């Protein structure tokens, strides 16, 4: 009875997942070639002219470089600025880490963000590093 129950649960799990054993890839996916995101904590600036800062946001060893793609004006390529609640957020300064060997940015050491929303209103922001292996 236990094996029938276990078999039924496994079948149900496979059906719910929508994947049959025949659908599984023959070789594993190479995650080192995929882009990786590293997210900073979400921070809130309660009013106009309020600022907040972000500390180190560094790419991992298997994807050590910031992607060479522009996500927002005023920030280095590979760095995304997510705002929650509307526009009016400006990144005032960004200090980047660079790879000694390739001279490419590998993350940020420090960033300052300011709320310029008028009329004064709360803004929430998050910085996201998009990292790649090469």
Protein backbone atom coordinates (compact mmCIF):
# COMPACT_ATOMS: atom_id res chain seq x y z
CA UNK A 1 0.00 0.00 0.00
CA UNK A 2 2.81 2.42 0.88
CA UNK A 3 4.53 1.88 -2.49
CA UNK A 4 1.21 2.46 -4.32
CA UNK A 5 0.67 5.68 -2.38
CA UNK A 6 4.25 6.81 -3.03
CA UNK A 7 3.91 5.97 -6.74
CA UNK A 8 0.67 7.96 -6.90
CA UNK A 9 2.31 10.95 -5.23
CA UNK A 10 5.25 10.84 -7.64
CA UNK A 11 2.88 10.67 -10.64
CA UNK A 12 0.86 13.57 -9.26
CA UNK A 13 4.02 15.61 -8.71
CA UNK A 14 5.18 14.98 -12.28
CA UNK A 15 1.76 15.89 -13.68
CA UNK A 16 1.56 19.05 -11.60
CA UNK A 17 5.04 20.08 -12.67
CA UNK A 18 4.12 19.49 -16.32
CA UNK A 19 7.35 17.61 -16.97
CA UNK A 20 7.64 13.98 -17.79
CA UNK A 21 10.90 12.09 -17.38
CA UNK A 22 11.25 12.08 -21.20
CA UNK A 23 11.27 15.93 -21.16
CA UNK A 24 14.35 16.24 -18.97
CA UNK A 25 17.46 17.49 -20.77
CA UNK A 26 20.17 14.99 -21.56
CA UNK A 27 22.95 17.21 -20.25
CA UNK A 28 22.81 19.79 -17.46
CA UNK A 29 22.38 23.48 -18.25
CA UNK A 30 25.61 25.48 -18.00
CA UNK A 31 24.78 28.17 -15.44
CA UNK A 32 28.20 29.81 -15.87
CA UNK A 33 27.12 31.12 -19.30
CA UNK A 34 23.87 32.59 -17.97
CA UNK A 35 23.40 36.09 -16.59
CA UNK A 36 23.14 36.32 -12.81
CA UNK A 37 21.47 39.10 -10.84
CA UNK A 38 22.64 40.31 -7.46
CA UNK A 39 20.04 42.42 -5.64
CA UNK A 40 20.66 45.00 -2.95
CA UNK A 41 18.21 45.49 -0.10
CA UNK A 42 15.13 47.57 -0.92
CA UNK A 43 15.36 51.01 0.71
CA UNK A 44 12.78 53.75 1.24
CA UNK A 45 13.26 57.50 1.02
CA UNK A 46 10.30 59.07 2.86
CA UNK A 47 10.21 62.53 1.24
CA UNK A 48 11.64 64.94 -1.33
CA UNK A 49 15.41 65.34 -1.09
CA UNK A 50 15.81 62.32 1.16
CA UNK A 51 18.84 60.20 0.29
CA UNK A 52 19.95 56.69 0.96
CA UNK A 53 23.14 54.83 0.22
CA UNK A 54 23.98 51.34 -0.90
CA UNK A 55 27.12 49.49 0.06
CA UNK A 56 28.94 46.77 -1.81
CA UNK A 57 27.08 44.99 -4.58
CA UNK A 58 29.63 42.63 -6.12
CA UNK A 59 29.27 40.02 -8.88
CA UNK A 60 29.88 36.37 -7.88
CA UNK A 61 32.99 34.45 -8.93
CA UNK A 62 31.23 32.37 -11.62
CA UNK A 63 29.83 35.55 -13.29
CA UNK A 64 32.33 38.22 -12.22
CA UNK A 65 31.62 41.08 -14.65
CA UNK A 66 28.82 43.64 -14.92
CA UNK A 67 26.91 43.06 -18.15
CA UNK A 68 27.78 45.49 -20.94
CA UNK A 69 24.18 46.71 -21.25
CA UNK A 70 22.79 50.10 -20.26
CA UNK A 71 19.80 49.77 -17.90
CA UNK A 72 19.47 53.39 -16.77
CA UNK A 73 20.98 56.81 -17.40
CA UNK A 74 23.56 57.98 -14.91
CA UNK A 75 24.65 54.51 -13.80
CA UNK A 76 27.29 52.15 -15.18
CA UNK A 77 26.27 49.45 -17.67
CA UNK A 78 25.01 46.33 -15.92
CA UNK A 79 23.46 48.23 -13.02
CA UNK A 80 19.66 48.46 -12.86
CA UNK A 81 17.75 50.93 -10.69
CA UNK A 82 14.34 49.57 -9.68
CA UNK A 83 11.89 52.10 -8.32
CA UNK A 84 8.63 51.22 -6.63
CA UNK A 85 5.94 53.89 -6.51
CA UNK A 86 6.96 56.10 -9.43
CA UNK A 87 9.76 58.16 -10.90
CA UNK A 88 11.80 60.87 -9.24
CA UNK A 89 14.76 58.81 -8.06
CA UNK A 90 18.24 59.91 -9.08
CA UNK A 91 21.49 58.04 -8.55
CA UNK A 92 23.86 60.77 -7.36
CA UNK A 93 27.11 58.82 -7.30
CA UNK A 94 28.44 55.33 -7.99
CA UNK A 95 31.88 53.98 -7.13
CA UNK A 96 32.71 50.88 -9.18
CA UNK A 97 34.95 47.90 -8.53
CA UNK A 98 37.16 47.01 -11.50
CA UNK A 99 38.87 43.77 -12.45
CA UNK A 100 42.63 44.24 -12.44
CA UNK A 101 43.07 41.69 -15.24
CA UNK A 102 40.43 42.83 -17.70
CA UNK A 103 39.64 46.35 -16.55
CA UNK A 104 35.91 45.63 -16.53
CA UNK A 105 33.56 46.58 -13.69
CA UNK A 106 32.81 43.68 -11.32
CA UNK A 107 30.27 45.49 -9.16
CA UNK A 108 29.83 48.64 -7.13
CA UNK A 109 31.48 49.63 -3.88
CA UNK A 110 29.11 52.44 -2.99
CA UNK A 111 26.12 54.32 -4.43
CA UNK A 112 23.99 57.25 -3.25
CA UNK A 113 20.38 57.68 -4.37
CA UNK A 114 18.15 60.74 -3.85
CA UNK A 115 14.37 61.21 -3.96
CA UNK A 116 13.48 64.11 -6.29
CA UNK A 117 9.75 63.32 -6.51
CA UNK A 118 7.61 66.48 -6.62
CA UNK A 119 5.23 66.91 -4.92
CA UNK A 120 7.01 65.31 -2.00
CA UNK A 121 6.17 61.64 -1.78
CA UNK A 122 7.82 58.46 -0.58
CA UNK A 123 9.98 56.51 -3.05
CA UNK A 124 11.36 53.00 -2.68
CA UNK A 125 14.43 51.90 -4.61
CA UNK A 126 16.61 48.84 -5.19
CA UNK A 127 19.87 48.44 -7.09
CA UNK A 128 20.42 45.27 -9.10
CA UNK A 129 23.72 44.15 -10.63
CA UNK A 130 23.42 42.09 -13.82
CA UNK A 131 26.52 39.89 -13.96
CA UNK A 132 27.97 37.70 -16.71
CA UNK A 133 30.92 35.34 -17.02
CA UNK A 134 32.65 37.11 -19.90
